[in-house]
Amino acid sequence: MSQKAPVDYRVNHLPDGRIISVEVTCCGRHIGELRFVDEQSLNCPRCGVRHVLRIQHNHFHLCQYRDE
């Protein structure tokens, strides 16, 4: 698997399993890191997609929004 995914999320966690952040790759490039806090977001400087982290009681969502 030598190809890079155009969009990728990498979850970073502590040894006890608690999530601390999510690294975001968009358009094949690392664009930053979302701290594990509800409604954190990053915008891709190349395509303008907004990546949003939403936390609910027992799970979380990583969503992408495009301006239209």
C-alpha atoms as a PDB file:
ATOM      1  CA  MET A   1       0.000   0.000   0.000  1.00  0.00           C
ATOM      2  CA  SER A   2       2.354   2.708  -1.235  1.00  0.00           C
ATOM      3  CA  GLN A   3      -0.285   5.225  -2.369  1.00  0.00           C
ATOM      4  CA  LYS A   4      -1.334   8.072  -0.085  1.00  0.00           C
ATOM      5  CA  ALA A   5      -5.053   8.501   0.454  1.00  0.00           C
ATOM      6  CA  PRO A   6      -6.329  11.951  -0.607  1.00  0.00           C
ATOM      7  CA  VAL A   7      -8.159  12.266   2.749  1.00  0.00           C
ATOM      8  CA  ASP A   8      -6.988  10.476   5.873  1.00  0.00           C
ATOM      9  CA  TYR A   9      -7.530  10.737   9.629  1.00  0.00           C
ATOM     10  CA  ARG A  10      -5.043   9.435  12.197  1.00  0.00           C
ATOM     11  CA  VAL A  11      -6.212   9.115  15.803  1.00  0.00           C
ATOM     12  CA  ASN A  12      -3.580   9.700  18.494  1.00  0.00           C
ATOM     13  CA  HIS A  13      -4.179   8.235  21.939  1.00  0.00           C
ATOM     14  CA  LEU A  14      -2.503   7.828  25.309  1.00  0.00           C
ATOM     15  CA  PRO A  15      -1.326   4.411  26.587  1.00  0.00           C
ATOM     16  CA  ASP A  16      -4.527   4.108  28.636  1.00  0.00           C
ATOM     17  CA  GLY A  17      -6.624   4.468  25.452  1.00  0.00           C
ATOM     18  CA  ARG A  18      -7.841   8.050  25.896  1.00  0.00           C
ATOM     19  CA  ILE A  19      -7.918   9.934  22.586  1.00  0.00           C
ATOM     20  CA  ILE A  20      -5.926  13.166  22.533  1.00  0.00           C
ATOM     21  CA  SER A  21      -6.091  14.330  18.912  1.00  0.00           C
ATOM     22  CA  VAL A  22      -6.834  13.518  15.276  1.00  0.00           C
ATOM     23  CA  GLU A  23      -4.319  14.367  12.543  1.00  0.00           C
ATOM     24  CA  VAL A  24      -5.908  15.360   9.234  1.00  0.00           C
ATOM     25  CA  THR A  25      -4.568  14.797   5.722  1.00  0.00           C
ATOM     26  CA  CYS A  26      -6.464  16.366   2.819  1.00  0.00           C
ATOM     27  CA  CYS A  27      -5.531  16.636  -0.870  1.00  0.00           C
ATOM     28  CA  GLY A  28      -2.694  14.213  -0.062  1.00  0.00           C
ATOM     29  CA  ARG A  29      -1.038  16.643   2.420  1.00  0.00           C
ATOM     30  CA  HIS A  30      -0.997  16.861   6.211  1.00  0.00           C
ATOM     31  CA  ILE A  31      -3.011  20.006   7.060  1.00  0.00           C
ATOM     32  CA  GLY A  32      -3.009  19.893  10.851  1.00  0.00           C
ATOM     33  CA  GLU A  33      -4.325  18.359  14.015  1.00  0.00           C
ATOM     34  CA  LEU A  34      -7.705  18.508  15.754  1.00  0.00           C
ATOM     35  CA  ARG A  35      -7.585  18.355  19.550  1.00  0.00           C
ATOM     36  CA  PHE A  36     -10.184  15.923  20.875  1.00  0.00           C
ATOM     37  CA  VAL A  37     -12.666  18.664  21.763  1.00  0.00           C
ATOM     38  CA  ASP A  38     -16.211  18.961  20.386  1.00  0.00           C
ATOM     39  CA  GLU A  39     -16.623  21.138  17.260  1.00  0.00           C
ATOM     40  CA  GLN A  40     -12.898  21.478  16.517  1.00  0.00           C
ATOM     41  CA  SER A  41     -12.363  22.134  12.802  1.00  0.00           C
ATOM     42  CA  LEU A  42      -9.680  22.622  10.156  1.00  0.00           C
ATOM     43  CA  ASN A  43      -9.960  24.035   6.638  1.00  0.00           C
ATOM     44  CA  CYS A  44      -7.906  22.618   3.790  1.00  0.00           C
ATOM     45  CA  PRO A  45      -5.933  25.445   2.160  1.00  0.00           C
ATOM     46  CA  ARG A  46      -6.023  23.701  -1.246  1.00  0.00           C
ATOM     47  CA  CYS A  47      -9.654  22.648  -1.706  1.00  0.00           C
ATOM     48  CA  GLY A  48     -11.436  24.565   1.061  1.00  0.00           C
ATOM     49  CA  VAL A  49     -13.071  21.515   2.682  1.00  0.00           C
ATOM     50  CA  ARG A  50     -13.804  22.021   6.383  1.00  0.00           C
ATOM     51  CA  HIS A  51     -13.042  18.937   8.540  1.00  0.00           C
ATOM     52  CA  VAL A  52     -15.059  18.897  11.782  1.00  0.00           C
ATOM     53  CA  LEU A  53     -14.783  16.677  14.880  1.00  0.00           C
ATOM     54  CA  ARG A  54     -18.055  16.142  16.749  1.00  0.00           C
ATOM     55  CA  ILE A  55     -18.142  14.233  20.031  1.00  0.00           C
ATOM     56  CA  GLN A  56     -21.249  12.470  21.293  1.00  0.00           C
ATOM     57  CA  HIS A  57     -21.769  10.482  24.492  1.00  0.00           C
ATOM     58  CA  ASN A  58     -20.099   7.225  23.364  1.00  0.00           C
ATOM     59  CA  HIS A  59     -18.622   7.958  19.927  1.00  0.00           C
ATOM     60  CA  PHE A  60     -17.312  10.720  17.653  1.00  0.00           C
ATOM     61  CA  HIS A  61     -17.814  11.810  14.048  1.00  0.00           C
ATOM     62  CA  LEU A  62     -15.323  13.224  11.541  1.00  0.00           C
ATOM     63  CA  CYS A  63     -17.272  15.168   8.925  1.00  0.00           C
ATOM     64  CA  GLN A  64     -16.346  17.081   5.787  1.00  0.00           C
ATOM     65  CA  TYR A  65     -18.206  20.168   4.575  1.00  0.00           C
ATOM     66  CA  ARG A  66     -17.756  21.919   1.237  1.00  0.00           C
ATOM     67  CA  ASP A  67     -18.923  25.451   0.591  1.00  0.00           C
ATOM     68  CA  GLU A  68     -21.305  25.546  -2.332  1.00  0.00           C
END
